N, C-alpha and C. Protein backbone atom coordinates (compact mmCIF):
# COMPACT_ATOMS: atom_id res chain seq x y z
N MET A 1 10.96 0.44 9.61
CA MET A 1 11.45 0.66 8.15
C MET A 1 10.59 0.75 7.10
N PRO A 2 10.74 1.54 6.19
CA PRO A 2 9.66 1.52 5.14
C PRO A 2 9.77 0.56 4.15
N LEU A 3 8.60 0.14 3.47
CA LEU A 3 8.82 -0.92 2.33
C LEU A 3 9.35 -0.36 1.30
N VAL A 4 8.93 0.99 1.04
CA VAL A 4 9.47 1.64 -0.28
C VAL A 4 10.37 2.80 0.26
N ASP A 5 11.52 2.90 -0.28
CA ASP A 5 12.30 3.95 0.16
C ASP A 5 12.24 5.29 -0.96
N LEU A 6 12.54 6.34 -0.36
CA LEU A 6 12.33 7.62 -0.99
C LEU A 6 12.82 7.69 -2.44
N ALA A 7 14.02 7.18 -2.70
CA ALA A 7 14.47 7.04 -3.89
C ALA A 7 13.61 6.41 -5.09
N THR A 8 13.34 5.14 -4.52
CA THR A 8 12.24 4.27 -5.69
C THR A 8 10.99 5.24 -5.73
N ALA A 9 10.55 5.78 -4.43
CA ALA A 9 9.31 6.52 -4.51
C ALA A 9 9.62 7.66 -5.71
N LYS A 10 10.59 8.23 -5.52
CA LYS A 10 10.67 9.65 -6.57
C LYS A 10 10.96 9.25 -7.88
N ARG A 11 11.64 8.00 -8.21
CA ARG A 11 12.01 7.46 -9.59
C ARG A 11 10.46 7.13 -9.95
N HIS A 12 9.74 6.52 -9.36
CA HIS A 12 8.26 6.10 -9.93
C HIS A 12 7.56 7.23 -10.16
N LEU A 13 7.64 8.26 -9.35
CA LEU A 13 6.87 9.62 -9.66
C LEU A 13 7.65 10.62 -10.66
N ARG A 14 8.84 10.10 -11.22
CA ARG A 14 9.64 10.95 -11.92
C ARG A 14 9.84 12.28 -11.59
N VAL A 15 10.42 12.39 -10.26
CA VAL A 15 10.55 13.57 -9.53
C VAL A 15 11.96 13.62 -9.43
N LEU A 16 12.82 14.80 -9.86
CA LEU A 16 13.87 14.68 -9.99
C LEU A 16 14.54 16.18 -9.13
N HIS A 17 13.77 16.46 -8.29
CA HIS A 17 14.16 17.62 -7.17
C HIS A 17 13.63 17.14 -5.98
N ASP A 18 14.46 17.73 -5.06
CA ASP A 18 14.01 17.63 -3.82
C ASP A 18 13.16 18.38 -2.87
N ASP A 19 12.46 19.10 -3.48
CA ASP A 19 11.21 20.17 -3.00
C ASP A 19 10.22 19.32 -2.23
N ASP A 20 9.87 18.45 -3.15
CA ASP A 20 8.67 17.52 -2.52
C ASP A 20 9.04 16.41 -1.47
N ASP A 21 10.31 16.13 -1.11
CA ASP A 21 10.67 15.02 -0.36
C ASP A 21 9.92 14.75 0.75
N ALA A 22 9.31 15.71 1.58
CA ALA A 22 8.83 15.42 2.80
C ALA A 22 7.18 15.26 2.41
N GLU A 23 6.73 15.66 1.63
CA GLU A 23 5.50 15.51 0.75
C GLU A 23 5.45 13.94 0.52
N ILE A 24 6.30 13.48 -0.46
CA ILE A 24 6.53 12.25 -0.97
C ILE A 24 6.47 11.22 -0.06
N GLU A 25 7.63 11.42 1.17
CA GLU A 25 7.56 10.44 2.23
C GLU A 25 6.36 10.39 3.01
N LEU A 26 5.40 11.41 3.07
CA LEU A 26 4.25 11.30 3.72
C LEU A 26 3.27 10.66 2.77
N TYR A 27 3.23 10.84 1.62
CA TYR A 27 2.28 10.04 0.64
C TYR A 27 2.76 8.66 0.76
N THR A 28 4.07 8.32 0.52
CA THR A 28 4.67 7.04 0.71
C THR A 28 4.13 6.13 1.89
N SER A 29 4.24 6.80 3.00
CA SER A 29 3.81 6.29 4.15
C SER A 29 2.22 5.96 4.08
N ALA A 30 1.53 6.94 3.75
CA ALA A 30 -0.10 6.71 3.52
C ALA A 30 -0.30 5.51 2.62
N ALA A 31 0.38 5.62 1.65
CA ALA A 31 0.07 4.34 0.51
C ALA A 31 0.50 2.97 1.32
N GLU A 32 1.57 3.07 1.95
CA GLU A 32 1.80 1.98 2.69
C GLU A 32 0.93 1.49 3.58
N ASN A 33 0.29 2.37 4.38
CA ASN A 33 -0.75 1.89 5.22
C ASN A 33 -1.94 1.39 4.65
N ILE A 34 -2.41 2.06 3.59
CA ILE A 34 -3.52 1.53 2.95
C ILE A 34 -3.25 0.21 2.51
N VAL A 35 -2.18 0.08 1.74
CA VAL A 35 -1.95 -1.51 1.51
C VAL A 35 -2.17 -2.38 2.58
N VAL A 36 -1.05 -2.13 3.51
CA VAL A 36 -1.14 -3.04 4.72
C VAL A 36 -2.50 -3.44 5.25
N GLU A 37 -3.18 -2.39 5.37
CA GLU A 37 -4.60 -2.40 5.82
C GLU A 37 -5.54 -3.22 5.21
N TYR A 38 -5.19 -3.16 3.70
CA TYR A 38 -6.12 -3.75 3.01
C TYR A 38 -5.72 -5.42 3.18
N LEU A 39 -4.57 -5.55 2.97
CA LEU A 39 -4.00 -7.00 3.23
C LEU A 39 -4.46 -7.73 4.44
N ASP A 40 -4.59 -7.01 5.73
CA ASP A 40 -4.90 -7.47 6.96
C ASP A 40 -3.92 -8.50 7.60
N ARG A 41 -2.67 -8.01 7.30
CA ARG A 41 -1.71 -8.79 7.75
C ARG A 41 -0.40 -7.76 7.77
N VAL A 42 0.73 -8.22 8.71
CA VAL A 42 1.91 -7.61 8.86
C VAL A 42 2.67 -7.93 7.65
N VAL A 43 3.44 -6.89 7.08
CA VAL A 43 4.41 -6.96 5.86
C VAL A 43 5.71 -6.40 6.40
N LEU A 44 6.58 -7.10 6.19
CA LEU A 44 7.87 -6.63 6.63
C LEU A 44 8.88 -6.57 5.59
N PRO A 45 9.82 -5.60 5.79
CA PRO A 45 10.68 -5.32 4.73
C PRO A 45 11.59 -6.58 4.17
N ALA A 46 12.06 -6.92 2.99
CA ALA A 46 12.90 -7.88 2.36
C ALA A 46 13.88 -7.72 3.54
N GLY A 47 14.34 -9.22 3.76
CA GLY A 47 15.68 -9.17 4.69
C GLY A 47 15.06 -9.40 6.03
N GLU A 48 14.17 -8.85 6.65
CA GLU A 48 13.58 -8.92 8.05
C GLU A 48 13.46 -10.60 8.27
N THR A 49 13.40 -10.53 9.59
CA THR A 49 12.66 -12.02 10.08
C THR A 49 11.45 -12.29 10.50
N LEU A 50 10.68 -13.04 10.00
CA LEU A 50 9.25 -13.43 10.29
C LEU A 50 8.96 -13.81 11.59
N PRO A 51 8.05 -13.19 12.28
CA PRO A 51 7.90 -13.41 13.87
C PRO A 51 7.24 -14.98 13.88
N PRO A 52 7.71 -15.73 14.61
CA PRO A 52 7.20 -17.29 14.67
C PRO A 52 5.88 -17.24 15.10
N ASP A 53 5.43 -16.29 16.01
CA ASP A 53 4.16 -16.35 16.54
C ASP A 53 2.82 -15.83 15.64
N ASP A 54 3.24 -15.17 14.43
CA ASP A 54 2.20 -14.57 13.26
C ASP A 54 2.02 -15.40 12.12
N PRO A 55 1.22 -16.16 11.82
CA PRO A 55 1.23 -16.88 10.93
C PRO A 55 0.85 -16.17 9.37
N THR A 56 0.28 -14.94 9.63
CA THR A 56 -0.08 -14.29 8.55
C THR A 56 0.87 -13.49 8.29
N ALA A 57 1.98 -13.28 9.11
CA ALA A 57 3.23 -12.02 8.53
C ALA A 57 3.95 -12.55 7.38
N MET A 58 4.23 -11.75 6.58
CA MET A 58 4.83 -11.82 5.41
C MET A 58 6.01 -10.96 4.86
N LEU A 59 6.95 -11.25 4.10
CA LEU A 59 7.81 -10.46 3.64
C LEU A 59 7.44 -9.63 2.50
N VAL A 60 7.80 -8.25 2.08
CA VAL A 60 7.03 -7.72 0.93
C VAL A 60 7.74 -8.30 -0.19
N THR A 61 6.65 -8.18 -1.14
CA THR A 61 6.99 -8.99 -2.65
C THR A 61 6.85 -7.87 -3.71
N PRO A 62 7.48 -8.14 -4.76
CA PRO A 62 7.26 -7.09 -6.00
C PRO A 62 6.13 -6.61 -6.18
N SER A 63 5.01 -7.54 -6.32
CA SER A 63 3.56 -7.00 -6.32
C SER A 63 3.26 -5.69 -5.39
N ILE A 64 3.52 -6.40 -3.99
CA ILE A 64 3.19 -5.30 -2.88
C ILE A 64 3.62 -4.07 -3.09
N VAL A 65 5.11 -4.25 -3.67
CA VAL A 65 5.81 -2.84 -3.96
C VAL A 65 5.29 -2.11 -5.02
N ALA A 66 4.79 -2.88 -6.08
CA ALA A 66 4.26 -2.12 -7.19
C ALA A 66 2.94 -1.74 -6.86
N ALA A 67 2.00 -2.36 -5.93
CA ALA A 67 0.97 -1.48 -5.46
C ALA A 67 1.00 -0.50 -4.79
N ILE A 68 2.05 -0.38 -3.66
CA ILE A 68 2.37 0.81 -2.87
C ILE A 68 2.49 1.99 -3.77
N LEU A 69 3.55 1.95 -4.76
CA LEU A 69 3.97 2.83 -5.70
C LEU A 69 2.59 3.38 -6.70
N LEU A 70 1.45 2.47 -7.01
CA LEU A 70 0.75 2.82 -7.75
C LEU A 70 -0.22 3.72 -6.89
N MET A 71 -0.38 3.25 -5.66
CA MET A 71 -1.35 4.12 -4.78
C MET A 71 -0.65 5.40 -4.48
N LEU A 72 0.93 5.28 -4.37
CA LEU A 72 1.59 6.54 -4.18
C LEU A 72 1.38 7.47 -5.44
N GLY A 73 1.50 7.11 -6.42
CA GLY A 73 1.10 7.83 -7.52
C GLY A 73 -0.21 8.66 -7.79
N ASP A 74 -1.34 7.84 -7.28
CA ASP A 74 -2.63 8.11 -7.17
C ASP A 74 -2.68 9.29 -6.12
N LEU A 75 -1.99 9.12 -5.01
CA LEU A 75 -2.20 10.17 -3.89
C LEU A 75 -1.34 11.28 -4.30
N TYR A 76 -0.34 11.13 -4.79
CA TYR A 76 0.71 12.33 -5.31
C TYR A 76 -0.15 13.45 -6.25
N GLU A 77 -0.65 12.72 -7.38
CA GLU A 77 -1.41 13.22 -8.51
C GLU A 77 -2.59 13.94 -8.17
N ASN A 78 -3.41 13.40 -7.28
CA ASN A 78 -4.70 13.76 -7.07
C ASN A 78 -4.72 14.21 -5.55
N ARG A 79 -4.21 15.25 -5.44
CA ARG A 79 -3.96 15.74 -3.95
C ARG A 79 -5.55 16.48 -3.49
N GLU A 80 -6.24 16.67 -4.07
CA GLU A 80 -7.66 17.11 -3.83
C GLU A 80 -8.54 16.12 -3.85
N ALA A 81 -9.82 16.15 -2.77
CA ALA A 81 -10.85 15.16 -2.97
C ALA A 81 -11.50 15.46 -4.49
N ASP A 82 -11.98 14.43 -4.88
CA ASP A 82 -12.50 14.62 -6.27
C ASP A 82 -14.16 14.56 -6.16
N ARG A 83 -14.68 15.59 -6.34
CA ARG A 83 -16.07 15.83 -5.90
C ARG A 83 -16.99 15.05 -7.22
N GLU A 84 -16.36 14.86 -8.27
CA GLU A 84 -16.95 14.04 -9.15
C GLU A 84 -16.80 12.50 -9.29
N GLN A 85 -16.16 11.98 -8.44
CA GLN A 85 -16.18 10.74 -8.40
C GLN A 85 -17.48 10.01 -7.94
N LYS A 86 -17.74 8.95 -8.86
CA LYS A 86 -18.95 7.97 -8.75
C LYS A 86 -18.76 6.99 -7.94
N SER A 87 -17.67 6.41 -7.70
CA SER A 87 -17.44 5.39 -6.70
C SER A 87 -16.77 5.76 -5.29
N ASP A 88 -17.06 4.74 -4.38
CA ASP A 88 -16.62 4.85 -2.96
C ASP A 88 -15.35 4.41 -2.80
N SER A 89 -14.96 3.71 -3.88
CA SER A 89 -13.68 3.17 -3.71
C SER A 89 -12.27 4.20 -3.53
N VAL A 90 -11.53 3.64 -2.67
CA VAL A 90 -10.29 4.59 -2.53
C VAL A 90 -9.13 3.84 -3.19
N MET A 91 -9.34 2.81 -3.53
CA MET A 91 -8.32 1.81 -4.11
C MET A 91 -8.39 1.82 -5.66
N PRO A 92 -7.42 2.19 -6.60
CA PRO A 92 -7.90 1.68 -7.85
C PRO A 92 -7.70 0.39 -8.21
N PRO A 93 -8.23 0.02 -9.03
CA PRO A 93 -8.56 -1.64 -9.46
C PRO A 93 -7.11 -2.17 -9.74
N ALA A 94 -6.21 -1.59 -10.19
CA ALA A 94 -5.03 -2.33 -10.61
C ALA A 94 -4.35 -2.65 -9.13
N VAL A 95 -4.18 -1.57 -8.26
CA VAL A 95 -3.61 -2.10 -6.79
C VAL A 95 -4.78 -3.25 -6.27
N ARG A 96 -5.79 -3.25 -6.09
CA ARG A 96 -6.44 -4.56 -5.48
C ARG A 96 -6.06 -5.60 -6.18
N ALA A 97 -5.88 -5.64 -7.67
CA ALA A 97 -5.60 -6.85 -8.56
C ALA A 97 -4.07 -7.35 -8.04
N LEU A 98 -3.24 -6.39 -7.81
CA LEU A 98 -1.94 -6.76 -7.33
C LEU A 98 -1.92 -7.24 -5.94
N LEU A 99 -3.10 -6.94 -5.12
CA LEU A 99 -3.00 -7.41 -3.80
C LEU A 99 -3.98 -8.48 -3.38
N ALA A 100 -4.69 -8.80 -4.46
CA ALA A 100 -5.40 -9.98 -4.10
C ALA A 100 -4.82 -11.38 -3.84
N PRO A 101 -3.81 -11.58 -4.39
CA PRO A 101 -3.40 -13.02 -4.03
C PRO A 101 -2.75 -12.89 -2.48
N TRP A 102 -2.33 -12.00 -1.79
CA TRP A 102 -1.75 -11.82 -0.61
C TRP A 102 -2.61 -11.38 0.55
N ARG A 103 -4.02 -10.97 0.14
CA ARG A 103 -5.15 -10.64 1.00
C ARG A 103 -5.43 -11.70 1.96
N VAL A 104 -5.52 -11.66 3.19
CA VAL A 104 -6.10 -12.37 4.18
C VAL A 104 -7.42 -12.22 4.14
N TRP A 105 -8.41 -13.22 3.88
CA TRP A 105 -9.86 -13.12 4.04
C TRP A 105 -10.14 -13.98 5.35
N ARG A 106 -10.94 -13.10 6.09
CA ARG A 106 -11.09 -13.45 7.62
C ARG A 106 -12.71 -14.27 7.43
N MET A 107 -13.02 -15.09 8.09
CA MET A 107 -14.57 -15.75 8.01
C MET A 107 -14.98 -15.13 9.60
N ILE A 108 -16.22 -14.68 9.46
CA ILE A 108 -16.97 -14.19 10.59
C ILE A 108 -17.79 -14.75 10.78
N ASP A 109 -18.03 -15.66 12.06
CA ASP A 109 -18.99 -16.42 12.81
C ASP A 109 -20.16 -15.40 12.70
N CYS A 110 -21.42 -15.98 12.09
CA CYS A 110 -22.67 -15.53 12.32
C CYS A 110 -23.50 -16.45 13.00
N PRO A 111 -24.25 -15.85 14.02
CA PRO A 111 -25.33 -16.66 14.84
C PRO A 111 -26.43 -17.27 13.82
N GLU A 112 -26.80 -18.51 13.59
CA GLU A 112 -27.80 -18.80 12.97
C GLU A 112 -29.11 -18.31 13.30
N ALA A 113 -29.90 -18.00 12.38
CA ALA A 113 -31.22 -17.38 12.48
C ALA A 113 -32.09 -18.49 13.12
């Protein structure tokens, strides 16, 4: 089940026609994948039951939905690669700011020198 439904995505994009529905669903799925990968945790739709064996799993929050919608807007409006882009960041700063409190930061064990 998606975290953001098509109607919400279209309202965010201010799309009133059905011509782009398949493309909007594709971009919404991609935006959700980007956000969930960045969070490094399982994110379930509201109303789902959290798995007891996954301590990092969480239910979607309004800030996560907002981040997905902002990412969707970026993907929908910027459909071509930006050759002038000076940064290697694929995520707008506002999206990172919305997700920061929910991101799982993992420690990597490094052998001592």
